[in-house]
Amino acid sequence: MGQPPTSEPGFDASFRARLHDLLVWRRDVRRFRRDALPEGALRRLVGLACLAPSVGLSEPWRFVDVAQPARREAVRASFEACNAAALQSQSGDRAALYARLKLAGLDDAPCQFAVFADHATAQGHGLGRMTMPATIDYSAVMAVYTLWLAARAEGIGLGWVSILDPVAVAAALDVPPAWTFIGYFCMGYPSECDDVPALQREGWERRRAPASVLIER
């Protein structure tokens, strides 16, 4: 016999309002204080990230804590090369605005980690990903977002550094070839907080109206 069903926890209006606040204030952090995080913070947050859904219960996410200075420098070198190329792709006012943006917290964030998706994992026995193998990657992204929200609830911010060469990062971190690079993250206490995305405040882009992304068929 299976376990008896447990009662569902009640989430009242007050909780839903606070959840809305958490989503609004989540933010992609670009500027960090150098204060150290509490001992074991990353390990604890990864534990919460593992509550995320995954295709076939495959749990393909792999978190790499990047603490060694040489490996951080290799990641930074990749960022600088890719960022220079990205700047060259902009022109006019966009180029000036791009140059003004601080696109990485690599100097100040006390914690840095990379996330990969393990496409070779046998866990899950292939369920749900035979026709859509990219669901392995999607599952890892769900884990990232779960960690992101959990961290923000503690006043800790994340910054997603996407201006990187995935091959260079994988080599710098010496990970198995079957792992697909998902993202590199800076984590620490934000030096400033705002409920409006920095790119919107800087005039780079604006949010779309939610109604514009809902298509009825």
C-alpha atoms as a PDB file:
ATOM      1  CA  MET A   1       0.000   0.000   0.000  1.00  0.00           C
ATOM      2  CA  GLY A   2       1.175   3.503  -0.790  1.00  0.00           C
ATOM      3  CA  GLN A   3       1.479   6.354   1.609  1.00  0.00           C
ATOM      4  CA  PRO A   4      -1.792   8.090   2.490  1.00  0.00           C
ATOM      5  CA  PRO A   5      -2.229  11.450   0.747  1.00  0.00           C
ATOM      6  CA  THR A   6      -1.123  14.444   2.743  1.00  0.00           C
ATOM      7  CA  SER A   7      -3.245  17.531   3.069  1.00  0.00           C
ATOM      8  CA  GLU A   8      -2.291  20.414   0.813  1.00  0.00           C
ATOM      9  CA  PRO A   9      -0.834  23.427   2.647  1.00  0.00           C
ATOM     10  CA  GLY A  10      -3.005  26.489   2.538  1.00  0.00           C
ATOM     11  CA  PHE A  11      -1.638  29.550   0.723  1.00  0.00           C
ATOM     12  CA  ASP A  12      -3.755  32.520   1.705  1.00  0.00           C
ATOM     13  CA  ALA A  13      -4.090  35.951   0.127  1.00  0.00           C
ATOM     14  CA  SER A  14      -1.311  37.331   2.318  1.00  0.00           C
ATOM     15  CA  PHE A  15       1.106  34.666   1.141  1.00  0.00           C
ATOM     16  CA  ARG A  16       0.142  35.238  -2.502  1.00  0.00           C
ATOM     17  CA  ALA A  17       0.750  38.967  -2.089  1.00  0.00           C
ATOM     18  CA  ARG A  18       4.203  38.313  -0.647  1.00  0.00           C
ATOM     19  CA  LEU A  19       4.950  35.884  -3.477  1.00  0.00           C
ATOM     20  CA  HIS A  20       4.023  38.615  -5.945  1.00  0.00           C
ATOM     21  CA  ASP A  21       6.449  40.955  -4.166  1.00  0.00           C
ATOM     22  CA  LEU A  22       9.184  38.331  -4.424  1.00  0.00           C
ATOM     23  CA  LEU A  23       8.639  37.973  -8.172  1.00  0.00           C
ATOM     24  CA  VAL A  24       8.658  41.735  -8.692  1.00  0.00           C
ATOM     25  CA  TRP A  25      11.821  42.295  -6.660  1.00  0.00           C
ATOM     26  CA  ARG A  26      13.741  39.302  -8.033  1.00  0.00           C
ATOM     27  CA  ARG A  27      15.973  41.267 -10.457  1.00  0.00           C
ATOM     28  CA  ASP A  28      19.119  40.314 -12.350  1.00  0.00           C
ATOM     29  CA  VAL A  29      21.729  41.917 -10.077  1.00  0.00           C
ATOM     30  CA  ARG A  30      24.678  43.678 -11.708  1.00  0.00           C
ATOM     31  CA  ARG A  31      26.318  45.363  -8.722  1.00  0.00           C
ATOM     32  CA  PHE A  32      27.244  43.546  -5.532  1.00  0.00           C
ATOM     33  CA  ARG A  33      28.669  44.287  -2.128  1.00  0.00           C
ATOM     34  CA  ARG A  34      31.758  42.278  -1.282  1.00  0.00           C
ATOM     35  CA  ASP A  35      30.368  41.022   2.025  1.00  0.00           C
ATOM     36  CA  ALA A  36      30.732  37.274   2.430  1.00  0.00           C
ATOM     37  CA  LEU A  37      27.598  35.140   2.343  1.00  0.00           C
ATOM     38  CA  PRO A  38      26.682  33.016   5.362  1.00  0.00           C
ATOM     39  CA  GLU A  39      28.626  29.761   5.658  1.00  0.00           C
ATOM     40  CA  GLY A  40      27.042  27.052   3.514  1.00  0.00           C
ATOM     41  CA  ALA A  41      24.660  29.446   1.720  1.00  0.00           C
ATOM     42  CA  LEU A  42      25.262  28.024  -1.757  1.00  0.00           C
ATOM     43  CA  ARG A  43      24.926  24.419  -0.592  1.00  0.00           C
ATOM     44  CA  ARG A  44      21.665  25.223   1.189  1.00  0.00           C
ATOM     45  CA  LEU A  45      20.229  27.109  -1.800  1.00  0.00           C
ATOM     46  CA  VAL A  46      21.203  24.289  -4.149  1.00  0.00           C
ATOM     47  CA  GLY A  47      19.212  22.004  -1.869  1.00  0.00           C
ATOM     48  CA  LEU A  48      16.161  24.177  -2.491  1.00  0.00           C
ATOM     49  CA  ALA A  49      16.919  24.291  -6.228  1.00  0.00           C
ATOM     50  CA  CYS A  50      16.689  20.504  -6.274  1.00  0.00           C
ATOM     51  CA  LEU A  51      12.979  20.832  -5.468  1.00  0.00           C
ATOM     52  CA  ALA A  52      12.449  22.117  -9.027  1.00  0.00           C
ATOM     53  CA  PRO A  53      10.534  19.978 -11.527  1.00  0.00           C
ATOM     54  CA  SER A  54      12.529  17.972 -14.041  1.00  0.00           C
ATOM     55  CA  VAL A  55      11.612  15.868 -17.052  1.00  0.00           C
ATOM     56  CA  GLY A  56      11.151  12.240 -16.013  1.00  0.00           C
ATOM     57  CA  LEU A  57      12.504  13.134 -12.543  1.00  0.00           C
ATOM     58  CA  SER A  58      15.916  13.179 -14.216  1.00  0.00           C
ATOM     59  CA  GLU A  59      17.299  16.000 -12.029  1.00  0.00           C
ATOM     60  CA  PRO A  60      19.963  16.802 -14.661  1.00  0.00           C
ATOM     61  CA  TRP A  61      21.212  20.028 -13.060  1.00  0.00           C
ATOM     62  CA  ARG A  62      24.869  20.174 -12.061  1.00  0.00           C
ATOM     63  CA  PHE A  63      26.108  23.121  -9.988  1.00  0.00           C
ATOM     64  CA  VAL A  64      29.814  23.957 -10.068  1.00  0.00           C
ATOM     65  CA  ASP A  65      31.048  26.191  -7.249  1.00  0.00           C
ATOM     66  CA  VAL A  66      33.825  28.285  -8.829  1.00  0.00           C
ATOM     67  CA  ALA A  67      36.113  29.266  -5.963  1.00  0.00           C
ATOM     68  CA  GLN A  68      39.627  28.848  -7.396  1.00  0.00           C
ATOM     69  CA  PRO A  69      41.104  32.189  -8.557  1.00  0.00           C
ATOM     70  CA  ALA A  70      42.651  30.693 -11.706  1.00  0.00           C
ATOM     71  CA  ARG A  71      39.334  29.288 -12.871  1.00  0.00           C
ATOM     72  CA  ARG A  72      37.581  32.589 -12.136  1.00  0.00           C
ATOM     73  CA  GLU A  73      40.236  34.395 -14.159  1.00  0.00           C
ATOM     74  CA  ALA A  74      39.688  32.042 -17.099  1.00  0.00           C
ATOM     75  CA  VAL A  75      35.959  32.773 -17.013  1.00  0.00           C
ATOM     76  CA  ARG A  76      36.660  36.476 -16.790  1.00  0.00           C
ATOM     77  CA  ALA A  77      38.973  36.292 -19.815  1.00  0.00           C
ATOM     78  CA  SER A  78      36.168  34.670 -21.798  1.00  0.00           C
ATOM     79  CA  PHE A  79      33.772  37.400 -20.694  1.00  0.00           C
ATOM     80  CA  GLU A  80      36.156  40.190 -21.694  1.00  0.00           C
ATOM     81  CA  ALA A  81      36.702  38.707 -25.162  1.00  0.00           C
ATOM     82  CA  CYS A  82      32.995  38.109 -25.765  1.00  0.00           C
ATOM     83  CA  ASN A  83      32.028  41.493 -24.345  1.00  0.00           C
ATOM     84  CA  ALA A  84      34.460  43.277 -26.665  1.00  0.00           C
ATOM     85  CA  ALA A  85      32.959  41.440 -29.639  1.00  0.00           C
ATOM     86  CA  ALA A  86      29.432  42.304 -28.478  1.00  0.00           C
ATOM     87  CA  LEU A  87      30.366  45.971 -28.200  1.00  0.00           C
ATOM     88  CA  GLN A  88      31.637  45.911 -31.776  1.00  0.00           C
ATOM     89  CA  SER A  89      28.245  44.611 -32.923  1.00  0.00           C
ATOM     90  CA  GLN A  90      26.496  47.733 -31.602  1.00  0.00           C
ATOM     91  CA  SER A  91      26.494  51.108 -33.300  1.00  0.00           C
ATOM     92  CA  GLY A  92      25.597  54.729 -32.581  1.00  0.00           C
ATOM     93  CA  ASP A  93      23.712  55.465 -29.388  1.00  0.00           C
ATOM     94  CA  ARG A  94      23.309  51.746 -28.711  1.00  0.00           C
ATOM     95  CA  ALA A  95      27.083  51.296 -28.621  1.00  0.00           C
ATOM     96  CA  ALA A  96      27.466  54.140 -26.149  1.00  0.00           C
ATOM     97  CA  LEU A  97      24.711  52.758 -23.949  1.00  0.00           C
ATOM     98  CA  TYR A  98      26.142  49.239 -24.117  1.00  0.00           C
ATOM     99  CA  ALA A  99      29.579  50.506 -23.077  1.00  0.00           C
ATOM    100  CA  ARG A 100      27.964  52.227 -20.085  1.00  0.00           C
ATOM    101  CA  LEU A 101      26.218  49.120 -18.800  1.00  0.00           C
ATOM    102  CA  LYS A 102      27.919  47.023 -16.146  1.00  0.00           C
ATOM    103  CA  LEU A 103      27.203  43.553 -17.457  1.00  0.00           C
ATOM    104  CA  ALA A 104      29.011  41.387 -14.902  1.00  0.00           C
ATOM    105  CA  GLY A 105      29.537  41.174 -11.187  1.00  0.00           C
ATOM    106  CA  LEU A 106      32.754  39.235 -11.645  1.00  0.00           C
ATOM    107  CA  ASP A 107      34.803  41.737  -9.643  1.00  0.00           C
ATOM    108  CA  ASP A 108      32.688  42.005  -6.510  1.00  0.00           C
ATOM    109  CA  ALA A 109      30.355  39.020  -6.085  1.00  0.00           C
ATOM    110  CA  PRO A 110      31.708  36.775  -3.304  1.00  0.00           C
ATOM    111  CA  CYS A 111      30.163  33.626  -4.763  1.00  0.00           C
ATOM    112  CA  GLN A 112      30.334  32.462  -8.371  1.00  0.00           C
ATOM    113  CA  PHE A 113      28.950  29.238  -9.776  1.00  0.00           C
ATOM    114  CA  ALA A 114      28.132  27.648 -13.110  1.00  0.00           C
ATOM    115  CA  VAL A 115      25.156  25.472 -13.983  1.00  0.00           C
ATOM    116  CA  PHE A 116      25.248  22.626 -16.482  1.00  0.00           C
ATOM    117  CA  ALA A 117      22.713  20.079 -17.716  1.00  0.00           C
ATOM    118  CA  ASP A 118      23.885  16.464 -17.774  1.00  0.00           C
ATOM    119  CA  HIS A 119      22.572  14.945 -20.988  1.00  0.00           C
ATOM    120  CA  ALA A 120      24.190  11.603 -20.179  1.00  0.00           C
ATOM    121  CA  THR A 121      22.280  11.070 -16.958  1.00  0.00           C
ATOM    122  CA  ALA A 122      20.530   7.718 -16.720  1.00  0.00           C
ATOM    123  CA  GLN A 123      18.206   9.035 -14.030  1.00  0.00           C
ATOM    124  CA  GLY A 124      14.660   9.272 -15.301  1.00  0.00           C
ATOM    125  CA  HIS A 125      15.240   6.435 -17.786  1.00  0.00           C
ATOM    126  CA  GLY A 126      14.657   8.758 -20.734  1.00  0.00           C
ATOM    127  CA  LEU A 127      11.047   9.455 -19.813  1.00  0.00           C
ATOM    128  CA  GLY A 128       9.634  12.552 -21.510  1.00  0.00           C
ATOM    129  CA  ARG A 129      12.736  13.522 -23.473  1.00  0.00           C
ATOM    130  CA  MET A 130      12.900  11.114 -26.393  1.00  0.00           C
ATOM    131  CA  THR A 131      11.195  13.557 -28.753  1.00  0.00           C
ATOM    132  CA  MET A 132      12.287  16.721 -26.938  1.00  0.00           C
ATOM    133  CA  PRO A 133      15.830  16.210 -25.599  1.00  0.00           C
ATOM    134  CA  ALA A 134      16.075  19.933 -24.836  1.00  0.00           C
ATOM    135  CA  THR A 135      13.787  19.339 -21.859  1.00  0.00           C
ATOM    136  CA  ILE A 136      16.960  18.310 -20.002  1.00  0.00           C
ATOM    137  CA  ASP A 137      18.208  21.886 -20.438  1.00  0.00           C
ATOM    138  CA  TYR A 138      14.819  23.329 -19.554  1.00  0.00           C
ATOM    139  CA  SER A 139      14.843  21.331 -16.323  1.00  0.00           C
ATOM    140  CA  ALA A 140      18.198  22.821 -15.336  1.00  0.00           C
ATOM    141  CA  VAL A 141      16.841  26.312 -16.002  1.00  0.00           C
ATOM    142  CA  MET A 142      13.891  25.572 -13.714  1.00  0.00           C
ATOM    143  CA  ALA A 143      16.368  24.700 -10.969  1.00  0.00           C
ATOM    144  CA  VAL A 144      18.214  27.970 -11.550  1.00  0.00           C
ATOM    145  CA  TYR A 145      15.028  29.982 -11.205  1.00  0.00           C
ATOM    146  CA  THR A 146      14.028  28.104  -8.062  1.00  0.00           C
ATOM    147  CA  LEU A 147      17.404  28.948  -6.502  1.00  0.00           C
ATOM    148  CA  TRP A 148      17.082  32.552  -7.711  1.00  0.00           C
ATOM    149  CA  LEU A 149      13.776  33.085  -5.927  1.00  0.00           C
ATOM    150  CA  ALA A 150      14.943  31.320  -2.773  1.00  0.00           C
ATOM    151  CA  ALA A 151      18.054  33.497  -2.670  1.00  0.00           C
ATOM    152  CA  ARG A 152      16.089  36.714  -3.189  1.00  0.00           C
ATOM    153  CA  ALA A 153      13.792  35.775  -0.323  1.00  0.00           C
ATOM    154  CA  GLU A 154      16.905  35.955   1.875  1.00  0.00           C
ATOM    155  CA  GLY A 155      18.058  39.273   0.444  1.00  0.00           C
ATOM    156  CA  ILE A 156      20.696  37.575  -1.722  1.00  0.00           C
ATOM    157  CA  GLY A 157      20.930  38.535  -5.389  1.00  0.00           C
ATOM    158  CA  LEU A 158      21.978  36.686  -8.540  1.00  0.00           C
ATOM    159  CA  GLY A 159      23.438  38.007 -11.754  1.00  0.00           C
ATOM    160  CA  TRP A 160      23.376  35.839 -14.880  1.00  0.00           C
ATOM    161  CA  VAL A 161      26.542  36.328 -16.945  1.00  0.00           C
ATOM    162  CA  SER A 162      25.600  35.183 -20.442  1.00  0.00           C
ATOM    163  CA  ILE A 163      28.309  36.967 -22.439  1.00  0.00           C
ATOM    164  CA  LEU A 164      30.604  33.956 -22.398  1.00  0.00           C
ATOM    165  CA  ASP A 165      31.917  31.246 -24.705  1.00  0.00           C
ATOM    166  CA  PRO A 166      30.335  27.976 -23.475  1.00  0.00           C
ATOM    167  CA  VAL A 167      33.266  25.916 -24.771  1.00  0.00           C
ATOM    168  CA  ALA A 168      35.784  28.099 -22.946  1.00  0.00           C
ATOM    169  CA  VAL A 169      33.803  27.949 -19.712  1.00  0.00           C
ATOM    170  CA  ALA A 170      33.441  24.162 -19.867  1.00  0.00           C
ATOM    171  CA  ALA A 171      37.186  23.853 -20.444  1.00  0.00           C
ATOM    172  CA  ALA A 172      38.023  26.265 -17.624  1.00  0.00           C
ATOM    173  CA  LEU A 173      35.866  24.301 -15.190  1.00  0.00           C
ATOM    174  CA  ASP A 174      36.975  20.868 -16.452  1.00  0.00           C
ATOM    175  CA  VAL A 175      33.491  19.330 -16.667  1.00  0.00           C
ATOM    176  CA  PRO A 176      32.437  16.141 -18.492  1.00  0.00           C
ATOM    177  CA  PRO A 177      31.781  16.540 -22.238  1.00  0.00           C
ATOM    178  CA  ALA A 178      28.155  15.420 -21.894  1.00  0.00           C
ATOM    179  CA  TRP A 179      27.369  18.454 -19.740  1.00  0.00           C
ATOM    180  CA  THR A 180      25.740  21.382 -21.540  1.00  0.00           C
ATOM    181  CA  PHE A 181      26.521  24.857 -20.248  1.00  0.00           C
ATOM    182  CA  ILE A 182      23.403  26.633 -18.990  1.00  0.00           C
ATOM    183  CA  GLY A 183      24.797  29.740 -17.335  1.00  0.00           C
ATOM    184  CA  TYR A 184      27.364  31.387 -15.103  1.00  0.00           C
ATOM    185  CA  PHE A 185      26.104  33.203 -12.031  1.00  0.00           C
ATOM    186  CA  CYS A 186      27.416  35.780  -9.598  1.00  0.00           C
ATOM    187  CA  MET A 187      25.778  35.702  -6.190  1.00  0.00           C
ATOM    188  CA  GLY A 188      25.971  38.074  -3.251  1.00  0.00           C
ATOM    189  CA  TYR A 189      24.234  40.933  -1.525  1.00  0.00           C
ATOM    190  CA  PRO A 190      23.064  43.620  -3.991  1.00  0.00           C
ATOM    191  CA  SER A 191      24.649  47.049  -3.587  1.00  0.00           C
ATOM    192  CA  GLU A 192      21.351  48.571  -4.761  1.00  0.00           C
ATOM    193  CA  CYS A 193      17.782  47.339  -5.087  1.00  0.00           C
ATOM    194  CA  ASP A 194      14.972  48.318  -7.433  1.00  0.00           C
ATOM    195  CA  ASP A 195      11.707  46.801  -8.594  1.00  0.00           C
ATOM    196  CA  VAL A 196      12.381  47.905 -12.199  1.00  0.00           C
ATOM    197  CA  PRO A 197      14.894  45.971 -14.350  1.00  0.00           C
ATOM    198  CA  ALA A 198      18.196  47.799 -14.779  1.00  0.00           C
ATOM    199  CA  LEU A 199      17.984  47.553 -18.578  1.00  0.00           C
ATOM    200  CA  GLN A 200      14.609  49.280 -18.462  1.00  0.00           C
ATOM    201  CA  ARG A 201      15.941  52.003 -16.165  1.00  0.00           C
ATOM    202  CA  GLU A 202      18.886  52.555 -18.515  1.00  0.00           C
ATOM    203  CA  GLY A 203      16.628  52.802 -21.564  1.00  0.00           C
ATOM    204  CA  TRP A 204      17.899  49.632 -23.232  1.00  0.00           C
ATOM    205  CA  GLU A 205      14.504  47.925 -23.406  1.00  0.00           C
ATOM    206  CA  ARG A 206      11.010  47.949 -21.906  1.00  0.00           C
ATOM    207  CA  ARG A 207       8.784  45.161 -20.668  1.00  0.00           C
ATOM    208  CA  ARG A 208       5.933  44.050 -22.900  1.00  0.00           C
ATOM    209  CA  ALA A 209       2.350  44.113 -21.741  1.00  0.00           C
ATOM    210  CA  PRO A 210       1.401  40.608 -20.507  1.00  0.00           C
ATOM    211  CA  ALA A 211      -1.648  40.584 -22.772  1.00  0.00           C
ATOM    212  CA  SER A 212       0.643  40.795 -25.801  1.00  0.00           C
ATOM    213  CA  VAL A 213       2.187  37.378 -25.139  1.00  0.00           C
ATOM    214  CA  LEU A 214      -1.043  35.432 -24.601  1.00  0.00           C
ATOM    215  CA  ILE A 215      -2.277  33.972 -27.905  1.00  0.00           C
ATOM    216  CA  GLU A 216      -5.645  32.293 -28.098  1.00  0.00           C
ATOM    217  CA  ARG A 217      -6.410  29.520 -30.573  1.00  0.00           C
END
